[in-house]
Every structure is written in C-alpha cells, then in structure tokens.
Amino acid sequence: MKGNKYTAMIILHSPYQLHLPTEICTLELL
C-alpha cells in the first residue's frame, strides 16, 4: 500500500498543494 499512498500524494500534490497536509493525514489513516 506504500506505492498507492505515494502515488496518491503525487496526484494530490499538484491540484491541492494548500490542502496537502490534510490530505496526507487522511491518506495515513487509510
């Protein structure tokens, strides 16, 4: 699942730079 989370982080990094911390926390919970 590490690869999936890493890919998701890259995808979210472009359109949601401001929300990145929140998105990472959500991904960590998943």
PDB file of N, CA and C in Angstrom:
ATOM      1  N   MET A   1       0.835  -1.200   0.000  1.00  0.00           N
ATOM      2  CA  MET A   1       0.000   0.000   0.000  1.00  0.00           C
ATOM      3  C   MET A   1       0.872   1.253   0.000  1.00  0.00           C
ATOM      4  N   LYS A   2       2.152   1.066   0.241  1.00  0.00           N
ATOM      5  CA  LYS A   2       3.056   2.216   0.227  1.00  0.00           C
ATOM      6  C   LYS A   2       3.063   2.887  -1.142  1.00  0.00           C
ATOM      7  N   GLY A   3       3.122   2.070  -2.191  1.00  0.00           N
ATOM      8  CA  GLY A   3       3.141   2.609  -3.546  1.00  0.00           C
ATOM      9  C   GLY A   3       1.875   3.396  -3.841  1.00  0.00           C
ATOM     10  N   ASN A   4       0.728   2.863  -3.400  1.00  0.00           N
ATOM     11  CA  ASN A   4      -0.542   3.536  -3.629  1.00  0.00           C
ATOM     12  C   ASN A   4      -0.572   4.889  -2.944  1.00  0.00           C
ATOM     13  N   LYS A   5      -0.128   4.924  -1.682  1.00  0.00           N
ATOM     14  CA  LYS A   5      -0.145   6.170  -0.918  1.00  0.00           C
ATOM     15  C   LYS A   5       0.790   7.183  -1.566  1.00  0.00           C
ATOM     16  N   TYR A   6       1.953   6.711  -2.007  1.00  0.00           N
ATOM     17  CA  TYR A   6       2.934   7.603  -2.620  1.00  0.00           C
ATOM     18  C   TYR A   6       2.386   8.194  -3.909  1.00  0.00           C
ATOM     19  N   THR A   7       1.721   7.357  -4.714  1.00  0.00           N
ATOM     20  CA  THR A   7       1.110   7.825  -5.959  1.00  0.00           C
ATOM     21  C   THR A   7       0.021   8.844  -5.664  1.00  0.00           C
ATOM     22  N   ALA A   8      -0.792   8.560  -4.651  1.00  0.00           N
ATOM     23  CA  ALA A   8      -1.869   9.474  -4.280  1.00  0.00           C
ATOM     24  C   ALA A   8      -1.291  10.809  -3.840  1.00  0.00           C
ATOM     25  N   MET A   9      -0.194  10.777  -3.100  1.00  0.00           N
ATOM     26  CA  MET A   9       0.445  12.009  -2.641  1.00  0.00           C
ATOM     27  C   MET A   9       0.898  12.844  -3.827  1.00  0.00           C
ATOM     28  N   ILE A  10       1.466  12.184  -4.831  1.00  0.00           N
ATOM     29  CA  ILE A  10       1.931  12.898  -6.025  1.00  0.00           C
ATOM     30  C   ILE A  10       0.745  13.522  -6.756  1.00  0.00           C
ATOM     31  N   ILE A  11      -0.345  12.756  -6.883  1.00  0.00           N
ATOM     32  CA  ILE A  11      -1.535  13.246  -7.580  1.00  0.00           C
ATOM     33  C   ILE A  11      -2.130  14.445  -6.844  1.00  0.00           C
ATOM     34  N   LEU A  12      -2.202  14.339  -5.515  1.00  0.00           N
ATOM     35  CA  LEU A  12      -2.796  15.415  -4.720  1.00  0.00           C
ATOM     36  C   LEU A  12      -1.868  16.620  -4.638  1.00  0.00           C
ATOM     37  N   HIS A  13      -0.584  16.401  -4.848  1.00  0.00           N
ATOM     38  CA  HIS A  13       0.397  17.472  -4.683  1.00  0.00           C
ATOM     39  C   HIS A  13       0.193  18.582  -5.712  1.00  0.00           C
ATOM     40  N   SER A  14      -0.309  18.233  -6.894  1.00  0.00           N
ATOM     41  CA  SER A  14      -0.483  19.251  -7.927  1.00  0.00           C
ATOM     42  C   SER A  14      -1.701  20.142  -7.681  1.00  0.00           C
ATOM     43  N   PRO A  15      -2.921  19.586  -7.620  1.00  0.00           N
ATOM     44  CA  PRO A  15      -4.100  20.450  -7.520  1.00  0.00           C
ATOM     45  C   PRO A  15      -4.409  20.918  -6.104  1.00  0.00           C
ATOM     46  N   TYR A  16      -3.865  20.245  -5.108  1.00  0.00           N
ATOM     47  CA  TYR A  16      -4.247  20.580  -3.726  1.00  0.00           C
ATOM     48  C   TYR A  16      -3.041  20.863  -2.841  1.00  0.00           C
ATOM     49  N   GLN A  17      -2.136  21.699  -3.312  1.00  0.00           N
ATOM     50  CA  GLN A  17      -0.932  21.997  -2.534  1.00  0.00           C
ATOM     51  C   GLN A  17      -1.290  22.592  -1.177  1.00  0.00           C
ATOM     52  N   LEU A  18      -2.333  23.427  -1.136  1.00  0.00           N
ATOM     53  CA  LEU A  18      -2.714  24.068   0.125  1.00  0.00           C
ATOM     54  C   LEU A  18      -3.315  23.059   1.094  1.00  0.00           C
ATOM     55  N   HIS A  19      -3.954  22.031   0.540  1.00  0.00           N
ATOM     56  CA  HIS A  19      -4.631  21.039   1.383  1.00  0.00           C
ATOM     57  C   HIS A  19      -3.760  19.803   1.594  1.00  0.00           C
ATOM     58  N   LEU A  20      -2.522  19.876   1.129  1.00  0.00           N
ATOM     59  CA  LEU A  20      -1.635  18.715   1.185  1.00  0.00           C
ATOM     60  C   LEU A  20      -1.523  18.113   2.582  1.00  0.00           C
ATOM     61  N   PRO A  21      -1.290  18.912   3.642  1.00  0.00           N
ATOM     62  CA  PRO A  21      -1.164  18.327   4.985  1.00  0.00           C
ATOM     63  C   PRO A  21      -2.412  17.536   5.388  1.00  0.00           C
ATOM     64  N   THR A  22      -3.590  18.094   5.122  1.00  0.00           N
ATOM     65  CA  THR A  22      -4.837  17.408   5.478  1.00  0.00           C
ATOM     66  C   THR A  22      -4.989  16.127   4.666  1.00  0.00           C
ATOM     67  N   GLU A  23      -4.668  16.209   3.381  1.00  0.00           N
ATOM     68  CA  GLU A  23      -4.799  15.037   2.517  1.00  0.00           C
ATOM     69  C   GLU A  23      -3.846  13.933   2.964  1.00  0.00           C
ATOM     70  N   ILE A  24      -2.632  14.302   3.342  1.00  0.00           N
ATOM     71  CA  ILE A  24      -1.659  13.304   3.796  1.00  0.00           C
ATOM     72  C   ILE A  24      -2.163  12.632   5.066  1.00  0.00           C
ATOM     73  N   CYS A  25      -2.721  13.410   5.990  1.00  0.00           N
ATOM     74  CA  CYS A  25      -3.253  12.836   7.231  1.00  0.00           C
ATOM     75  C   CYS A  25      -4.369  11.847   6.902  1.00  0.00           C
ATOM     76  N   THR A  26      -5.225  12.213   5.945  1.00  0.00           N
ATOM     77  CA  THR A  26      -6.322  11.326   5.552  1.00  0.00           C
ATOM     78  C   THR A  26      -5.763  10.046   4.938  1.00  0.00           C
ATOM     79  N   LEU A  27      -4.745  10.189   4.095  1.00  0.00           N
ATOM     80  CA  LEU A  27      -4.139   9.016   3.465  1.00  0.00           C
ATOM     81  C   LEU A  27      -3.456   8.141   4.505  1.00  0.00           C
ATOM     82  N   GLU A  28      -2.858   8.771   5.524  1.00  0.00           N
ATOM     83  CA  GLU A  28      -2.200   7.998   6.582  1.00  0.00           C
ATOM     84  C   GLU A  28      -3.224   7.131   7.303  1.00  0.00           C
ATOM     85  N   LEU A  29      -4.431   7.691   7.514  1.00  0.00           N
ATOM     86  CA  LEU A  29      -5.474   6.931   8.200  1.00  0.00           C
ATOM     87  C   LEU A  29      -5.940   5.768   7.335  1.00  0.00           C
ATOM     88  N   LEU A  30      -5.943   5.966   6.019  1.00  0.00           N
ATOM     89  CA  LEU A  30      -6.366   4.903   5.117  1.00  0.00           C
ATOM     90  C   LEU A  30      -5.274   3.840   5.056  1.00  0.00           C
TER      91      LEU A  30
END
